[in-house]
Amino acid sequence: MATTSAAAAALVVFPGSAQDAAPAAAPAPSVTTVLPAAAPAPVLTTRVDLVAAPTAASAARLSAVDLALSKVGSPYRWGATGPSAFDCSGLVNWAFAQAGIDVPRTSRALSQTGTPVSRDQLQPGDLVFFYSPVSHVGIYIGNGQMVHASTSGKPVAIAPIDGRQYNSARRL
C-alpha cells in the first residue's frame, strides 16, 4: 500500500483541474522602433543672436544720441558749443566729442564728413542736414525724429525730420 505525503499530494494533478491546462504561452515579443528625435529649431534668446554686435563706431554714435538727448531743454545760443548752451552744429560737435568722435564745427563742414546715407536707411546717430545750401544739422534718434538746437529763443528739442527742408544725411 502506498502512502503519499502532503508534499507529494500537492504535486498530484487531477484531470480537469486548472493545473491540468497547458500553461499560457508567453506574449510574443513586441518590436518598438525608436527613431532619433528631430533636432529642435534653434531658439534665439539674445540680441547678439539677432544682429551683429555693434561696432565701436555705432556704439559711439548711440552714446552721442544719449548725450545730445541729455541736453534737451538747454538754451540755444548762436556759436555756442556747450555744455550749457548750443547752436545746431555746436550740439553735434559737443555730443560726438564727448562720445570720442572728433567732428568739424559747422553744419556745412559736417555735411561733407562721413558716409552719405539715404533717408530710408537712417539709423540713430546719423547726422541729418537741412536747407540748400546746408545751414542746419540735427542728430537722428529714430522713428523720424531728431534732437537739435533749432534757433534763437527755442531750447534744444526733439523734432520730426519732416518739419523742415530735408537735404541729406551722413553716418560718421
C-alpha atoms as a PDB file:
ATOM      1  CA  MET A   1       0.000   0.000   0.000  1.00  0.00           C
ATOM      2  CA  ALA A   2       1.324   3.299  -0.978  1.00  0.00           C
ATOM      3  CA  THR A   3       1.066   6.334   1.150  1.00  0.00           C
ATOM      4  CA  THR A   4       1.575   9.848  -0.015  1.00  0.00           C
ATOM      5  CA  SER A   5       2.881  12.675   1.926  1.00  0.00           C
ATOM      6  CA  ALA A   6       1.340  16.144   1.914  1.00  0.00           C
ATOM      7  CA  ALA A   7       4.133  17.439  -0.307  1.00  0.00           C
ATOM      8  CA  ALA A   8       3.566  14.681  -2.796  1.00  0.00           C
ATOM      9  CA  ALA A   9      -0.187  15.265  -2.733  1.00  0.00           C
ATOM     10  CA  ALA A  10       0.403  18.812  -3.736  1.00  0.00           C
ATOM     11  CA  LEU A  11       2.098  17.564  -6.871  1.00  0.00           C
ATOM     12  CA  VAL A  12      -0.799  15.427  -7.899  1.00  0.00           C
ATOM     13  CA  VAL A  13      -2.756  16.856 -10.777  1.00  0.00           C
ATOM     14  CA  PHE A  14      -6.349  15.774 -11.149  1.00  0.00           C
ATOM     15  CA  PRO A  15      -7.884  15.639 -14.601  1.00  0.00           C
ATOM     16  CA  GLY A  16      -9.973  18.773 -15.401  1.00  0.00           C
ATOM     17  CA  SER A  17      -8.368  20.894 -12.736  1.00  0.00           C
ATOM     18  CA  ALA A  18      -6.846  24.283 -13.535  1.00  0.00           C
ATOM     19  CA  GLN A  19      -3.426  22.817 -13.143  1.00  0.00           C
ATOM     20  CA  ASP A  20      -4.268  20.319 -15.866  1.00  0.00           C
ATOM     21  CA  ALA A  21      -4.498  23.092 -18.517  1.00  0.00           C
ATOM     22  CA  ALA A  22      -1.448  23.840 -20.612  1.00  0.00           C
ATOM     23  CA  PRO A  23       0.491  26.803 -19.349  1.00  0.00           C
ATOM     24  CA  ALA A  24      -0.339  30.074 -21.068  1.00  0.00           C
ATOM     25  CA  ALA A  25       2.038  30.969 -23.822  1.00  0.00           C
ATOM     26  CA  ALA A  26       4.350  33.865 -23.141  1.00  0.00           C
ATOM     27  CA  PRO A  27       3.350  37.012 -25.024  1.00  0.00           C
ATOM     28  CA  ALA A  28       5.109  37.466 -28.316  1.00  0.00           C
ATOM     29  CA  PRO A  29       7.942  39.963 -28.003  1.00  0.00           C
ATOM     30  CA  SER A  30       6.929  43.343 -29.315  1.00  0.00           C
ATOM     31  CA  VAL A  31       9.207  45.303 -31.572  1.00  0.00           C
ATOM     32  CA  THR A  32       9.418  49.040 -30.916  1.00  0.00           C
ATOM     33  CA  THR A  33      11.413  51.145 -33.298  1.00  0.00           C
ATOM     34  CA  VAL A  34      12.932  54.172 -31.608  1.00  0.00           C
ATOM     35  CA  LEU A  35      13.831  56.895 -34.052  1.00  0.00           C
ATOM     36  CA  PRO A  36      16.093  59.747 -33.052  1.00  0.00           C
ATOM     37  CA  ALA A  37      14.118  62.877 -32.268  1.00  0.00           C
ATOM     38  CA  ALA A  38      14.341  65.635 -34.817  1.00  0.00           C
ATOM     39  CA  ALA A  39      16.696  68.356 -33.661  1.00  0.00           C
ATOM     40  CA  PRO A  40      14.679  71.291 -32.349  1.00  0.00           C
ATOM     41  CA  ALA A  41      14.924  74.562 -34.214  1.00  0.00           C
ATOM     42  CA  PRO A  42      17.402  76.943 -32.555  1.00  0.00           C
ATOM     43  CA  VAL A  43      15.778  79.437 -30.236  1.00  0.00           C
ATOM     44  CA  LEU A  44      17.191  82.936 -30.431  1.00  0.00           C
ATOM     45  CA  THR A  45      17.477  84.204 -26.915  1.00  0.00           C
ATOM     46  CA  THR A  46      19.809  87.173 -27.049  1.00  0.00           C
ATOM     47  CA  ARG A  47      20.222  90.308 -29.102  1.00  0.00           C
ATOM     48  CA  VAL A  48      23.571  89.004 -30.350  1.00  0.00           C
ATOM     49  CA  ASP A  49      21.694  86.114 -31.977  1.00  0.00           C
ATOM     50  CA  LEU A  50      19.530  88.581 -33.866  1.00  0.00           C
ATOM     51  CA  VAL A  51      22.008  91.169 -35.088  1.00  0.00           C
ATOM     52  CA  ALA A  52      25.716  91.563 -35.313  1.00  0.00           C
ATOM     53  CA  ALA A  53      27.381  93.042 -32.283  1.00  0.00           C
ATOM     54  CA  PRO A  54      27.650  96.812 -32.542  1.00  0.00           C
ATOM     55  CA  THR A  55      30.908  98.248 -33.782  1.00  0.00           C
ATOM     56  CA  ALA A  56      32.820 100.788 -31.742  1.00  0.00           C
ATOM     57  CA  ALA A  57      31.630 103.486 -34.159  1.00  0.00           C
ATOM     58  CA  SER A  58      27.942 102.547 -33.822  1.00  0.00           C
ATOM     59  CA  ALA A  59      28.287 102.403 -30.028  1.00  0.00           C
ATOM     60  CA  ALA A  60      29.842 105.883 -30.092  1.00  0.00           C
ATOM     61  CA  ARG A  61      27.003 107.195 -32.292  1.00  0.00           C
ATOM     62  CA  LEU A  62      24.441 105.824 -29.817  1.00  0.00           C
ATOM     63  CA  SER A  63      26.379 107.424 -26.987  1.00  0.00           C
ATOM     64  CA  ALA A  64      26.283 110.756 -28.865  1.00  0.00           C
ATOM     65  CA  VAL A  65      22.498 110.388 -29.192  1.00  0.00           C
ATOM     66  CA  ASP A  66      22.163 109.848 -25.442  1.00  0.00           C
ATOM     67  CA  LEU A  67      24.448 112.786 -24.697  1.00  0.00           C
ATOM     68  CA  ALA A  68      22.527 115.107 -27.021  1.00  0.00           C
ATOM     69  CA  LEU A  69      19.219 113.953 -25.525  1.00  0.00           C
ATOM     70  CA  SER A  70      20.570 114.808 -22.078  1.00  0.00           C
ATOM     71  CA  LYS A  71      20.743 118.435 -23.267  1.00  0.00           C
ATOM     72  CA  VAL A  72      17.067 118.724 -24.285  1.00  0.00           C
ATOM     73  CA  GLY A  73      15.830 121.960 -22.745  1.00  0.00           C
ATOM     74  CA  SER A  74      19.251 123.654 -22.827  1.00  0.00           C
ATOM     75  CA  PRO A  75      19.132 127.137 -24.374  1.00  0.00           C
ATOM     76  CA  TYR A  76      20.064 127.939 -27.970  1.00  0.00           C
ATOM     77  CA  ARG A  77      22.843 130.452 -28.438  1.00  0.00           C
ATOM     78  CA  TRP A  78      24.435 131.117 -31.830  1.00  0.00           C
ATOM     79  CA  GLY A  79      28.053 129.946 -31.860  1.00  0.00           C
ATOM     80  CA  ALA A  80      27.755 128.072 -28.535  1.00  0.00           C
ATOM     81  CA  THR A  81      29.322 124.631 -28.184  1.00  0.00           C
ATOM     82  CA  GLY A  82      28.057 123.646 -24.719  1.00  0.00           C
ATOM     83  CA  PRO A  83      27.923 122.374 -22.196  1.00  0.00           C
ATOM     84  CA  SER A  84      25.142 124.729 -21.082  1.00  0.00           C
ATOM     85  CA  ALA A  85      24.050 126.326 -24.393  1.00  0.00           C
ATOM     86  CA  PHE A  86      24.317 125.267 -28.041  1.00  0.00           C
ATOM     87  CA  ASP A  87      23.736 126.147 -31.642  1.00  0.00           C
ATOM     88  CA  CYS A  88      22.898 123.290 -34.036  1.00  0.00           C
ATOM     89  CA  SER A  89      26.424 122.283 -35.012  1.00  0.00           C
ATOM     90  CA  GLY A  90      27.688 123.061 -31.502  1.00  0.00           C
ATOM     91  CA  LEU A  91      25.329 120.414 -30.094  1.00  0.00           C
ATOM     92  CA  VAL A  92      26.550 117.871 -32.668  1.00  0.00           C
ATOM     93  CA  ASN A  93      30.180 118.794 -32.056  1.00  0.00           C
ATOM     94  CA  TRP A  94      29.821 118.578 -28.257  1.00  0.00           C
ATOM     95  CA  ALA A  95      27.847 115.276 -28.215  1.00  0.00           C
ATOM     96  CA  PHE A  96      30.193 113.493 -30.613  1.00  0.00           C
ATOM     97  CA  ALA A  97      33.333 114.838 -28.902  1.00  0.00           C
ATOM     98  CA  GLN A  98      32.016 113.547 -25.553  1.00  0.00           C
ATOM     99  CA  ALA A  99      31.437 110.168 -27.259  1.00  0.00           C
ATOM    100  CA  GLY A 100      35.021 110.140 -28.565  1.00  0.00           C
ATOM    101  CA  ILE A 101      34.444 111.174 -32.187  1.00  0.00           C
ATOM    102  CA  ASP A 102      36.118 114.342 -33.468  1.00  0.00           C
ATOM    103  CA  VAL A 103      33.901 116.192 -35.970  1.00  0.00           C
ATOM    104  CA  PRO A 104      34.020 119.560 -37.742  1.00  0.00           C
ATOM    105  CA  ARG A 105      32.415 122.574 -36.124  1.00  0.00           C
ATOM    106  CA  THR A 106      29.982 123.882 -38.770  1.00  0.00           C
ATOM    107  CA  SER A 107      26.897 122.305 -40.309  1.00  0.00           C
ATOM    108  CA  ARG A 108      28.270 122.769 -43.825  1.00  0.00           C
ATOM    109  CA  ALA A 109      31.589 121.074 -42.940  1.00  0.00           C
ATOM    110  CA  LEU A 110      29.703 118.294 -41.153  1.00  0.00           C
ATOM    111  CA  SER A 111      27.639 117.713 -44.317  1.00  0.00           C
ATOM    112  CA  GLN A 112      30.863 116.706 -46.103  1.00  0.00           C
ATOM    113  CA  THR A 113      32.054 114.334 -43.345  1.00  0.00           C
ATOM    114  CA  GLY A 114      31.359 110.602 -43.086  1.00  0.00           C
ATOM    115  CA  THR A 115      29.400 108.426 -45.482  1.00  0.00           C
ATOM    116  CA  PRO A 116      26.218 109.516 -47.288  1.00  0.00           C
ATOM    117  CA  VAL A 117      23.091 107.704 -46.079  1.00  0.00           C
ATOM    118  CA  SER A 118      19.771 107.531 -47.888  1.00  0.00           C
ATOM    119  CA  ARG A 119      16.759 108.735 -45.947  1.00  0.00           C
ATOM    120  CA  ASP A 120      15.235 105.239 -45.812  1.00  0.00           C
ATOM    121  CA  GLN A 121      18.434 103.856 -44.260  1.00  0.00           C
ATOM    122  CA  LEU A 122      18.748 106.336 -41.388  1.00  0.00           C
ATOM    123  CA  GLN A 123      19.922 104.934 -38.059  1.00  0.00           C
ATOM    124  CA  PRO A 124      20.150 106.607 -34.656  1.00  0.00           C
ATOM    125  CA  GLY A 125      23.302 108.704 -34.529  1.00  0.00           C
ATOM    126  CA  ASP A 126      23.265 109.670 -38.204  1.00  0.00           C
ATOM    127  CA  LEU A 127      23.530 113.387 -38.929  1.00  0.00           C
ATOM    128  CA  VAL A 128      20.606 114.931 -40.802  1.00  0.00           C
ATOM    129  CA  PHE A 129      21.032 118.148 -42.774  1.00  0.00           C
ATOM    130  CA  PHE A 130      18.537 120.757 -43.894  1.00  0.00           C
ATOM    131  CA  TYR A 131      18.174 123.520 -46.479  1.00  0.00           C
ATOM    132  CA  SER A 132      20.225 124.225 -49.568  1.00  0.00           C
ATOM    133  CA  PRO A 133      22.910 125.192 -49.091  1.00  0.00           C
ATOM    134  CA  VAL A 134      23.131 123.246 -45.829  1.00  0.00           C
ATOM    135  CA  SER A 135      22.588 125.544 -42.858  1.00  0.00           C
ATOM    136  CA  HIS A 136      21.137 123.270 -40.161  1.00  0.00           C
ATOM    137  CA  VAL A 137      22.064 119.879 -38.651  1.00  0.00           C
ATOM    138  CA  GLY A 138      20.464 117.519 -36.158  1.00  0.00           C
ATOM    139  CA  ILE A 139      21.183 114.051 -34.806  1.00  0.00           C
ATOM    140  CA  TYR A 140      18.746 111.383 -35.925  1.00  0.00           C
ATOM    141  CA  ILE A 141      17.297 109.456 -32.958  1.00  0.00           C
ATOM    142  CA  GLY A 142      14.946 107.060 -34.799  1.00  0.00           C
ATOM    143  CA  ASN A 143      11.269 106.952 -35.781  1.00  0.00           C
ATOM    144  CA  GLY A 144      11.565 110.024 -38.000  1.00  0.00           C
ATOM    145  CA  GLN A 145      12.807 112.175 -35.093  1.00  0.00           C
ATOM    146  CA  MET A 146      15.960 114.168 -34.391  1.00  0.00           C
ATOM    147  CA  VAL A 147      17.438 116.072 -31.496  1.00  0.00           C
ATOM    148  CA  HIS A 148      18.669 119.540 -32.440  1.00  0.00           C
ATOM    149  CA  ALA A 149      19.308 123.089 -31.356  1.00  0.00           C
ATOM    150  CA  SER A 150      16.879 124.923 -33.573  1.00  0.00           C
ATOM    151  CA  THR A 151      17.036 128.675 -33.398  1.00  0.00           C
ATOM    152  CA  SER A 152      17.248 131.621 -31.042  1.00  0.00           C
ATOM    153  CA  GLY A 153      14.576 131.560 -28.371  1.00  0.00           C
ATOM    154  CA  LYS A 154      13.993 127.802 -28.667  1.00  0.00           C
ATOM    155  CA  PRO A 155      15.812 125.269 -26.487  1.00  0.00           C
ATOM    156  CA  VAL A 156      17.416 122.007 -27.613  1.00  0.00           C
ATOM    157  CA  ALA A 157      14.474 119.791 -28.553  1.00  0.00           C
ATOM    158  CA  ILE A 158      13.265 116.635 -30.242  1.00  0.00           C
ATOM    159  CA  ALA A 159      11.516 117.294 -33.542  1.00  0.00           C
ATOM    160  CA  PRO A 160      10.398 115.392 -36.656  1.00  0.00           C
ATOM    161  CA  ILE A 161      12.842 115.495 -39.564  1.00  0.00           C
ATOM    162  CA  ASP A 162       9.885 116.237 -41.839  1.00  0.00           C
ATOM    163  CA  GLY A 163       9.318 119.608 -40.180  1.00  0.00           C
ATOM    164  CA  ARG A 164      11.838 121.449 -42.366  1.00  0.00           C
ATOM    165  CA  GLN A 165      13.535 121.203 -45.786  1.00  0.00           C
ATOM    166  CA  TYR A 166      15.451 117.914 -45.596  1.00  0.00           C
ATOM    167  CA  ASN A 167      18.696 117.950 -47.580  1.00  0.00           C
ATOM    168  CA  SER A 168      20.792 114.849 -46.819  1.00  0.00           C
ATOM    169  CA  ALA A 169      22.258 112.589 -44.137  1.00  0.00           C
ATOM    170  CA  ARG A 170      25.687 111.292 -43.173  1.00  0.00           C
ATOM    171  CA  ARG A 171      26.944 108.461 -40.983  1.00  0.00           C
ATOM    172  CA  LEU A 172      30.153 109.060 -39.051  1.00  0.00           C
END
